Amino acid sequence: MLDNIAGKASTECLTLFRHLMVDIVVSSSYGYRLGAVTKWAMDVEDPLSTAINDFPKRGILVILLIKHIVVLLTCMSSA
């Protein structure tokens, strides 16, 4: 994949490594070739890689939402 780019375009290393790790984990755990790096090279979305990318953001949003709900409930009960 990187041979095709050959310095003609920039590469997002963290995204490349995330897709590579998804391929490695799925292959070693389940014996299945997911092809996340190949899909990424062809600009095709891989749902598992996307979910792994979104997981930390989702966790932060859920924690913030819970904290705001607790504050609102505390304010409502004291009023």
N, C-alpha and C. Protein backbone atom coordinates (compact mmCIF):
# COMPACT_ATOMS: atom_id res chain seq x y z
N MET A 1 0.82 -1.18 0.00
CA MET A 1 0.00 0.00 0.00
C MET A 1 0.87 1.25 0.00
N LEU A 2 1.86 1.26 0.87
CA LEU A 2 2.74 2.43 0.92
C LEU A 2 3.60 2.54 -0.33
N ASP A 3 3.86 1.42 -1.02
CA ASP A 3 4.61 1.47 -2.27
C ASP A 3 3.85 2.25 -3.34
N ASN A 4 2.53 2.18 -3.31
CA ASN A 4 1.71 2.91 -4.29
C ASN A 4 1.76 4.41 -4.06
N ILE A 5 1.83 4.82 -2.79
CA ILE A 5 1.88 6.25 -2.48
C ILE A 5 3.26 6.80 -2.80
N ALA A 6 4.30 6.11 -2.34
CA ALA A 6 5.70 6.42 -2.64
C ALA A 6 6.05 7.91 -2.51
N GLY A 7 5.60 8.52 -1.43
CA GLY A 7 5.95 9.91 -1.17
C GLY A 7 5.15 10.93 -1.96
N LYS A 8 4.16 10.49 -2.71
CA LYS A 8 3.35 11.42 -3.51
C LYS A 8 2.30 12.12 -2.66
N ALA A 9 1.92 11.50 -1.56
CA ALA A 9 0.90 12.07 -0.69
C ALA A 9 1.28 11.79 0.76
N SER A 10 0.74 12.59 1.66
CA SER A 10 1.00 12.36 3.07
C SER A 10 0.14 11.20 3.57
N THR A 11 0.62 10.56 4.63
CA THR A 11 -0.09 9.42 5.20
C THR A 11 -0.35 9.70 6.67
N GLU A 12 -1.57 9.49 7.11
CA GLU A 12 -1.90 9.62 8.52
C GLU A 12 -1.43 8.36 9.23
N CYS A 13 -0.32 8.48 9.93
CA CYS A 13 0.30 7.30 10.55
C CYS A 13 -0.58 6.66 11.62
N LEU A 14 -1.23 7.47 12.45
CA LEU A 14 -2.08 6.91 13.50
C LEU A 14 -3.25 6.14 12.91
N THR A 15 -3.82 6.66 11.85
CA THR A 15 -4.92 5.96 11.19
C THR A 15 -4.43 4.66 10.56
N LEU A 16 -3.29 4.72 9.91
CA LEU A 16 -2.70 3.52 9.31
C LEU A 16 -2.43 2.46 10.37
N PHE A 17 -1.84 2.86 11.50
CA PHE A 17 -1.54 1.90 12.56
C PHE A 17 -2.81 1.34 13.20
N ARG A 18 -3.86 2.17 13.34
CA ARG A 18 -5.13 1.67 13.89
C ARG A 18 -5.69 0.58 12.99
N HIS A 19 -5.71 0.82 11.70
CA HIS A 19 -6.22 -0.19 10.76
C HIS A 19 -5.34 -1.43 10.76
N LEU A 20 -4.03 -1.24 10.85
CA LEU A 20 -3.11 -2.37 10.90
C LEU A 20 -3.35 -3.21 12.15
N MET A 21 -3.53 -2.55 13.29
CA MET A 21 -3.78 -3.29 14.53
C MET A 21 -5.11 -4.02 14.49
N VAL A 22 -6.12 -3.45 13.86
CA VAL A 22 -7.40 -4.14 13.69
C VAL A 22 -7.19 -5.40 12.86
N ASP A 23 -6.43 -5.29 11.78
CA ASP A 23 -6.14 -6.47 10.95
C ASP A 23 -5.40 -7.53 11.76
N ILE A 24 -4.41 -7.12 12.54
CA ILE A 24 -3.60 -8.08 13.30
C ILE A 24 -4.43 -8.76 14.38
N VAL A 25 -5.20 -8.00 15.13
CA VAL A 25 -6.00 -8.57 16.22
C VAL A 25 -7.07 -9.51 15.69
N VAL A 26 -7.77 -9.10 14.65
CA VAL A 26 -8.81 -9.96 14.08
C VAL A 26 -8.20 -11.23 13.50
N SER A 27 -7.06 -11.11 12.84
CA SER A 27 -6.40 -12.28 12.26
C SER A 27 -5.91 -13.24 13.33
N SER A 28 -5.27 -12.70 14.37
CA SER A 28 -4.73 -13.58 15.41
C SER A 28 -5.81 -14.15 16.32
N SER A 29 -6.88 -13.41 16.55
CA SER A 29 -7.94 -13.88 17.44
C SER A 29 -8.94 -14.81 16.76
N TYR A 30 -9.29 -14.48 15.52
CA TYR A 30 -10.37 -15.21 14.85
C TYR A 30 -9.95 -15.93 13.59
N GLY A 31 -8.70 -15.72 13.15
CA GLY A 31 -8.23 -16.37 11.93
C GLY A 31 -8.90 -15.84 10.67
N TYR A 32 -9.39 -14.63 10.73
CA TYR A 32 -10.12 -14.03 9.61
C TYR A 32 -9.33 -12.84 9.09
N ARG A 33 -9.19 -12.74 7.77
CA ARG A 33 -8.49 -11.60 7.16
C ARG A 33 -9.51 -10.50 6.87
N LEU A 34 -9.52 -9.48 7.71
CA LEU A 34 -10.50 -8.40 7.61
C LEU A 34 -10.18 -7.46 6.46
N GLY A 35 -8.90 -7.16 6.26
CA GLY A 35 -8.51 -6.27 5.17
C GLY A 35 -8.76 -4.81 5.46
N ALA A 36 -8.62 -4.40 6.72
CA ALA A 36 -8.88 -3.01 7.11
C ALA A 36 -7.91 -2.04 6.44
N VAL A 37 -6.64 -2.44 6.33
CA VAL A 37 -5.65 -1.56 5.70
C VAL A 37 -5.96 -1.40 4.22
N THR A 38 -6.32 -2.48 3.57
CA THR A 38 -6.68 -2.43 2.14
C THR A 38 -7.90 -1.56 1.92
N LYS A 39 -8.91 -1.70 2.78
CA LYS A 39 -10.11 -0.86 2.67
C LYS A 39 -9.76 0.60 2.87
N TRP A 40 -8.88 0.88 3.86
CA TRP A 40 -8.48 2.25 4.13
C TRP A 40 -7.74 2.84 2.93
N ALA A 41 -6.91 2.04 2.29
CA ALA A 41 -6.16 2.51 1.12
C ALA A 41 -7.08 2.84 -0.05
N MET A 42 -8.22 2.16 -0.12
CA MET A 42 -9.18 2.40 -1.20
C MET A 42 -10.28 3.37 -0.79
N ASP A 43 -10.13 4.02 0.37
CA ASP A 43 -11.13 4.96 0.92
C ASP A 43 -12.48 4.31 1.14
N VAL A 44 -12.47 3.05 1.57
CA VAL A 44 -13.69 2.34 1.93
C VAL A 44 -13.73 2.26 3.45
N GLU A 45 -14.87 2.59 4.04
CA GLU A 45 -14.99 2.58 5.49
C GLU A 45 -15.01 1.16 6.02
N ASP A 46 -14.24 0.90 7.06
CA ASP A 46 -14.27 -0.37 7.77
C ASP A 46 -15.00 -0.13 9.09
N PRO A 47 -16.16 -0.73 9.29
CA PRO A 47 -16.97 -0.44 10.48
C PRO A 47 -16.25 -0.72 11.80
N LEU A 48 -15.46 -1.78 11.86
CA LEU A 48 -14.77 -2.11 13.11
C LEU A 48 -13.70 -1.05 13.44
N SER A 49 -12.95 -0.62 12.45
CA SER A 49 -11.94 0.42 12.66
C SER A 49 -12.59 1.74 13.06
N THR A 50 -13.73 2.04 12.47
CA THR A 50 -14.46 3.26 12.81
C THR A 50 -14.97 3.20 14.25
N ALA A 51 -15.49 2.04 14.65
CA ALA A 51 -15.98 1.87 16.02
C ALA A 51 -14.85 2.03 17.03
N ILE A 52 -13.69 1.46 16.73
CA ILE A 52 -12.54 1.58 17.62
C ILE A 52 -12.09 3.03 17.70
N ASN A 53 -12.15 3.74 16.59
CA ASN A 53 -11.77 5.15 16.58
C ASN A 53 -12.75 6.00 17.39
N ASP A 54 -14.04 5.68 17.32
CA ASP A 54 -15.06 6.48 18.00
C ASP A 54 -15.22 6.13 19.47
N PHE A 55 -14.71 4.98 19.91
CA PHE A 55 -14.94 4.51 21.27
C PHE A 55 -14.50 5.50 22.34
N PRO A 56 -13.26 6.04 22.30
CA PRO A 56 -12.87 7.00 23.36
C PRO A 56 -13.73 8.26 23.37
N LYS A 57 -14.07 8.75 22.20
CA LYS A 57 -14.90 9.96 22.12
C LYS A 57 -16.27 9.70 22.72
N ARG A 58 -16.83 8.54 22.41
CA ARG A 58 -18.15 8.18 22.92
C ARG A 58 -18.10 8.05 24.44
N GLY A 59 -17.04 7.45 24.98
CA GLY A 59 -16.90 7.30 26.42
C GLY A 59 -16.84 8.64 27.14
N ILE A 60 -16.10 9.57 26.57
CA ILE A 60 -15.98 10.90 27.17
C ILE A 60 -17.34 11.60 27.16
N LEU A 61 -18.06 11.50 26.04
CA LEU A 61 -19.37 12.15 25.95
C LEU A 61 -20.36 11.55 26.95
N VAL A 62 -20.33 10.24 27.12
CA VAL A 62 -21.24 9.59 28.06
C VAL A 62 -20.93 10.03 29.49
N ILE A 63 -19.65 10.08 29.85
CA ILE A 63 -19.27 10.50 31.20
C ILE A 63 -19.71 11.95 31.45
N LEU A 64 -19.48 12.82 30.47
CA LEU A 64 -19.90 14.22 30.63
C LEU A 64 -21.41 14.34 30.74
N LEU A 65 -22.13 13.55 29.97
CA LEU A 65 -23.59 13.58 30.02
C LEU A 65 -24.08 13.13 31.39
N ILE A 66 -23.50 12.07 31.93
CA ILE A 66 -23.90 11.58 33.24
C ILE A 66 -23.63 12.62 34.31
N LYS A 67 -22.47 13.27 34.24
CA LYS A 67 -22.14 14.31 35.23
C LYS A 67 -23.14 15.46 35.17
N HIS A 68 -23.52 15.87 33.96
CA HIS A 68 -24.49 16.96 33.83
C HIS A 68 -25.86 16.55 34.36
N ILE A 69 -26.25 15.32 34.14
CA ILE A 69 -27.54 14.84 34.64
C ILE A 69 -27.54 14.83 36.17
N VAL A 70 -26.43 14.38 36.77
CA VAL A 70 -26.33 14.37 38.24
C VAL A 70 -26.42 15.78 38.79
N VAL A 71 -25.75 16.73 38.15
CA VAL A 71 -25.79 18.13 38.61
C VAL A 71 -27.22 18.66 38.49
N LEU A 72 -27.88 18.38 37.38
CA LEU A 72 -29.25 18.87 37.20
C LEU A 72 -30.19 18.26 38.24
N LEU A 73 -30.05 16.95 38.49
CA LEU A 73 -30.91 16.31 39.48
C LEU A 73 -30.65 16.85 40.88
N THR A 74 -29.39 17.13 41.20
CA THR A 74 -29.05 17.70 42.49
C THR A 74 -29.66 19.08 42.65
N CYS A 75 -29.58 19.89 41.59
CA CYS A 75 -30.17 21.23 41.63
C CYS A 75 -31.68 21.17 41.76
N MET A 76 -32.30 20.23 41.08
CA MET A 76 -33.76 20.11 41.12
C MET A 76 -34.23 19.63 42.50
N SER A 77 -33.49 18.73 43.11
CA SER A 77 -33.92 18.21 44.40
C SER A 77 -33.71 19.23 45.53
N SER A 78 -32.76 20.13 45.37
CA SER A 78 -32.51 21.12 46.42
C SER A 78 -33.42 22.35 46.27
N ALA A 79 -34.10 22.46 45.15
CA ALA A 79 -34.96 23.62 44.91
C ALA A 79 -36.33 23.45 45.50
